[in-house]
Amino acid sequence: MPNTTTMNRAPKTARIRARATAVVTAGLCASVALTGAAVAAEGAHADVFASQTATSLAEATQAQAQAQEKAADVAEKKAAAQAAAEAEAKAEAKEKAWVTPISGDFALSATFGNSGDRWASTHSGQDFAVPSGTEVHTVHSGTVVKAGGNGAGDGPAYGNAIVIKHSDGTYTQYAHLSKVEVKVGQTVSTDQEIGLSGNTGNSSGPHLHFEVRTTADYGSAIDPMKFLRDQDVSI
């Protein structure tokens, strides 16, 4: 006779094991599902973060570029303003300065006060021995008051000449020129070319005759070398 207790017990054990397996399987499935969802959520978050980072980087880069461009513009304007100020200061300093009438090489020949057969009285200026065609420059800024042949009104002995009035009330004369490049009434700056040296008038050879005067006319000359040295001109 079969043992009913044994027969009934075995199926029960199998049923318990089957249930446990089902529970474990369901748990694993749920765990896998949750893990997948978490991974998917993390991936989505990462995509959003990456997108936000790229946008932020682009905005930061653009802002940096704009800041650099603005800084460069400010620096450029500052440099331009400084250069303009320096140029203006240099120009002002130049206008206040006095220079020699010949900027290149020259030899000093007849000096102020010399006497002899070449002059009706004593020599009224300083001669700069240079080849004809040498550039002649004004020693200081001023206004042309005389210009042309016949000594610009001072007599044929001077040949072609120029007389310039300066702001301190003195006048300078440039004579024996081969060419006059300025006109009466014209404003000239310090060291501006005003003519070319020559051998016109009562001249024994090409040179520039230079005078410093107290008036625009002949007869008021003073020692030009002393005057220039008093103005800190190295000559």
Protein backbone atom coordinates (compact mmCIF):
# COMPACT_ATOMS: atom_id res chain seq x y z
CA MET A 1 0.00 0.00 0.00
CA PRO A 2 1.52 3.29 -1.03
CA ASN A 3 2.61 5.81 1.53
CA THR A 4 0.25 8.70 0.96
CA THR A 5 2.23 10.98 3.22
CA THR A 6 5.31 10.62 1.04
CA MET A 7 3.37 11.06 -2.13
CA ASN A 8 1.70 14.23 -0.90
CA ARG A 9 4.94 15.66 0.52
CA ALA A 10 6.97 15.49 -2.68
CA PRO A 11 4.64 17.53 -4.79
CA LYS A 12 4.43 20.18 -2.11
CA THR A 13 8.19 20.54 -2.02
CA ALA A 14 8.26 20.93 -5.78
CA ARG A 15 5.60 23.54 -5.62
CA ILE A 16 7.55 25.54 -3.01
CA ARG A 17 10.68 25.39 -5.14
CA ALA A 18 8.79 26.49 -8.21
CA ARG A 19 7.30 29.44 -6.37
CA ALA A 20 10.71 30.47 -5.05
CA THR A 21 12.16 30.30 -8.55
CA ALA A 22 9.35 32.44 -9.88
CA VAL A 23 9.85 34.99 -7.14
CA VAL A 24 13.58 35.16 -7.78
CA THR A 25 13.04 35.44 -11.53
CA ALA A 26 10.50 38.21 -11.08
CA GLY A 27 12.92 40.04 -8.78
CA LEU A 28 15.72 39.75 -11.28
CA CYS A 29 13.51 41.06 -14.05
CA ALA A 30 12.46 43.97 -11.93
CA SER A 31 16.06 44.69 -11.01
CA VAL A 32 17.11 44.57 -14.63
CA ALA A 33 14.25 46.86 -15.57
CA LEU A 34 15.16 49.35 -12.84
CA THR A 35 18.83 49.24 -13.83
CA GLY A 36 17.94 49.88 -17.47
CA ALA A 37 15.72 52.75 -16.51
CA ALA A 38 18.49 54.23 -14.36
CA VAL A 39 21.03 53.89 -17.15
CA ALA A 40 18.63 55.45 -19.61
CA ALA A 41 17.91 58.29 -17.21
CA GLU A 42 21.63 58.83 -16.62
CA GLY A 43 22.25 58.87 -20.36
CA ALA A 44 19.53 61.44 -20.88
CA HIS A 45 20.95 63.57 -18.06
CA ALA A 46 24.42 63.29 -19.56
CA ASP A 47 23.11 64.44 -22.95
CA VAL A 48 21.38 67.43 -21.38
CA PHE A 49 24.51 68.28 -19.37
CA ALA A 50 26.71 67.98 -22.43
CA SER A 51 24.34 70.22 -24.38
CA GLN A 52 24.30 72.82 -21.61
CA THR A 53 28.11 72.68 -21.33
CA ALA A 54 28.59 73.25 -25.06
CA THR A 55 26.23 76.22 -24.98
CA SER A 56 27.96 77.67 -21.93
CA LEU A 57 31.37 77.22 -23.51
CA ALA A 58 30.23 78.92 -26.72
CA GLU A 59 28.78 81.84 -24.78
CA ALA A 60 31.92 82.13 -22.64
CA THR A 61 34.16 82.02 -25.71
CA GLN A 62 32.11 84.68 -27.45
CA ALA A 63 32.16 86.86 -24.34
CA GLN A 64 35.93 86.42 -24.08
CA ALA A 65 36.41 87.33 -27.73
CA GLN A 66 34.25 90.43 -27.33
CA ALA A 67 36.17 91.44 -24.20
CA GLN A 68 39.50 90.97 -25.98
CA GLU A 69 38.28 92.94 -28.99
CA LYS A 70 37.11 95.76 -26.73
CA ALA A 71 40.41 95.75 -24.84
CA ALA A 72 42.33 95.84 -28.14
CA ASP A 73 40.18 98.73 -29.35
CA VAL A 74 40.78 100.65 -26.12
CA ALA A 75 44.52 99.95 -26.34
CA GLU A 76 44.61 101.05 -29.97
CA LYS A 77 42.79 104.29 -29.20
CA LYS A 78 45.06 104.91 -26.22
CA ALA A 79 48.16 104.31 -28.34
CA ALA A 80 46.82 106.61 -31.08
CA ALA A 81 46.05 109.35 -28.55
CA GLN A 82 49.50 109.00 -27.01
CA ALA A 83 51.17 109.11 -30.43
CA ALA A 84 49.16 112.21 -31.32
CA ALA A 85 50.09 113.88 -28.04
CA GLU A 86 53.75 113.04 -28.55
CA ALA A 87 53.65 114.34 -32.12
CA GLU A 88 51.99 117.56 -30.96
CA ALA A 89 54.52 118.00 -28.17
CA LYS A 90 57.34 117.36 -30.63
CA ALA A 91 55.89 119.87 -33.07
CA GLU A 92 55.50 122.47 -30.31
CA ALA A 93 59.05 121.87 -29.15
CA LYS A 94 60.29 122.19 -32.71
CA GLU A 95 58.44 125.48 -33.22
CA LYS A 96 60.00 126.84 -30.05
CA ALA A 97 63.49 125.76 -31.14
CA TRP A 98 65.96 127.55 -33.35
CA VAL A 99 68.14 125.77 -35.90
CA THR A 100 70.87 126.53 -38.42
CA PRO A 101 69.84 127.72 -41.91
CA ILE A 102 71.82 124.89 -43.52
CA SER A 103 71.05 121.45 -42.11
CA GLY A 104 73.73 119.56 -44.02
CA ASP A 105 77.46 120.09 -44.37
CA PHE A 106 78.75 123.64 -44.65
CA ALA A 107 81.81 125.78 -43.96
CA LEU A 108 81.66 129.12 -42.19
CA SER A 109 83.35 131.75 -44.35
CA ALA A 110 82.95 135.54 -43.93
CA THR A 111 81.70 136.38 -40.45
CA PHE A 112 79.76 139.28 -38.97
CA GLY A 113 81.78 142.50 -38.77
CA ASN A 114 84.41 141.57 -41.34
CA SER A 115 85.67 144.49 -43.39
CA GLY A 116 87.36 144.72 -46.77
CA ASP A 117 87.00 145.61 -50.41
CA ARG A 118 84.06 143.24 -50.87
CA TRP A 119 81.76 145.28 -48.64
CA ALA A 120 80.76 148.93 -48.65
CA SER A 121 80.98 148.76 -44.84
CA THR A 122 81.49 145.86 -42.47
CA HIS A 123 79.97 142.48 -43.26
CA SER A 124 76.38 142.38 -41.96
CA GLY A 125 75.90 138.64 -41.61
CA GLN A 126 77.38 135.17 -41.54
CA ASP A 127 78.24 133.33 -44.76
CA PHE A 128 77.69 129.58 -45.10
CA ALA A 129 79.83 128.22 -47.93
CA VAL A 130 77.83 125.54 -49.73
CA PRO A 131 77.34 124.47 -53.37
CA SER A 132 74.61 126.19 -55.38
CA GLY A 133 71.30 124.38 -55.02
CA THR A 134 71.78 123.48 -51.36
CA GLU A 135 68.52 123.57 -49.38
CA VAL A 136 68.10 126.67 -47.21
CA HIS A 137 65.87 126.35 -44.14
CA THR A 138 64.26 128.92 -41.91
CA VAL A 139 65.92 129.03 -38.51
CA HIS A 140 62.61 129.53 -36.71
CA SER A 141 58.90 129.74 -37.43
CA GLY A 142 57.53 133.02 -38.65
CA THR A 143 55.99 134.99 -41.51
CA VAL A 144 57.66 135.95 -44.78
CA VAL A 145 57.77 139.75 -45.06
CA LYS A 146 60.13 140.06 -48.04
CA ALA A 147 60.93 137.70 -50.91
CA GLY A 148 62.37 138.03 -54.41
CA GLY A 149 65.10 139.65 -56.48
CA ASN A 150 66.97 142.88 -55.83
CA GLY A 151 67.63 141.68 -52.30
CA ALA A 152 63.85 141.54 -51.76
CA GLY A 153 64.00 145.33 -51.61
CA ASP A 154 67.31 145.67 -49.79
CA GLY A 155 69.38 146.21 -52.94
CA PRO A 156 70.92 144.23 -55.78
CA ALA A 157 74.01 143.29 -53.77
CA TYR A 158 71.97 140.64 -51.96
CA GLY A 159 70.69 139.00 -55.15
CA ASN A 160 67.60 136.87 -54.53
CA ALA A 161 66.67 137.13 -50.85
CA ILE A 162 64.06 136.35 -48.21
CA VAL A 163 63.28 138.13 -44.92
CA ILE A 164 61.20 136.42 -42.21
CA LYS A 165 59.66 137.98 -39.10
CA HIS A 166 59.62 135.84 -35.95
CA SER A 167 57.34 135.92 -32.92
CA ASP A 168 60.03 137.40 -30.65
CA GLY A 169 60.24 140.48 -32.88
CA THR A 170 63.48 139.56 -34.62
CA TYR A 171 63.95 139.11 -38.37
CA THR A 172 66.20 136.79 -40.34
CA GLN A 173 67.48 137.31 -43.87
CA TYR A 174 68.66 134.68 -46.41
CA ALA A 175 70.50 136.07 -49.47
CA HIS A 176 72.33 135.20 -52.72
CA LEU A 177 69.75 132.48 -53.38
CA SER A 178 69.44 130.67 -56.70
CA LYS A 179 65.77 130.01 -56.01
CA VAL A 180 63.10 131.54 -53.76
CA GLU A 181 60.38 129.07 -52.72
CA VAL A 182 58.13 131.22 -50.51
CA LYS A 183 55.93 134.28 -50.93
CA VAL A 184 55.28 137.40 -48.87
CA GLY A 185 52.62 136.73 -46.22
CA GLN A 186 53.33 133.00 -46.10
CA THR A 187 53.68 131.35 -42.69
CA VAL A 188 56.68 129.07 -42.35
CA SER A 189 57.65 126.55 -39.70
CA THR A 190 61.00 125.94 -38.06
CA ASP A 191 63.46 124.15 -40.35
CA GLN A 192 61.18 124.48 -43.39
CA GLU A 193 62.88 124.67 -46.77
CA ILE A 194 62.41 128.16 -48.17
CA GLY A 195 64.87 128.31 -51.05
CA LEU A 196 68.12 127.10 -52.59
CA SER A 197 71.54 128.60 -52.12
CA GLY A 198 73.25 130.30 -55.04
CA ASN A 199 75.64 132.95 -56.26
CA THR A 200 73.34 135.85 -57.15
CA GLY A 201 74.06 139.50 -56.39
CA ASN A 202 77.39 140.71 -55.07
CA SER A 203 78.88 137.28 -54.42
CA SER A 204 82.38 135.89 -54.91
CA GLY A 205 81.18 132.28 -54.96
CA PRO A 206 78.21 130.09 -54.07
CA HIS A 207 77.12 130.52 -50.48
CA LEU A 208 74.26 131.58 -48.21
CA HIS A 209 74.43 135.01 -46.64
CA PHE A 210 72.48 134.91 -43.34
CA GLU A 211 71.50 137.84 -41.17
CA VAL A 212 69.61 138.44 -37.92
CA ARG A 213 67.98 141.87 -37.77
CA THR A 214 65.97 143.97 -35.35
CA THR A 215 63.85 145.29 -38.25
CA ALA A 216 62.98 143.97 -41.70
CA ASP A 217 65.38 146.38 -43.42
CA TYR A 218 69.04 146.65 -44.16
CA GLY A 219 71.12 148.40 -41.50
CA SER A 220 69.62 146.72 -38.42
CA ALA A 221 71.72 143.54 -38.39
CA ILE A 222 73.16 142.05 -35.20
CA ASP A 223 75.71 139.26 -34.74
CA PRO A 224 73.84 136.17 -36.06
CA MET A 225 76.21 133.61 -34.55
CA LYS A 226 75.90 135.01 -31.06
CA PHE A 227 72.14 135.21 -31.47
CA LEU A 228 71.83 131.57 -32.55
CA ARG A 229 74.10 130.37 -29.75
CA ASP A 230 71.98 132.35 -27.28
CA GLN A 231 69.04 130.29 -28.57
CA ASP A 232 70.96 127.06 -27.75
CA VAL A 233 71.85 126.36 -31.37
CA SER A 234 75.04 124.33 -31.62
CA ILE A 235 77.04 125.91 -34.43
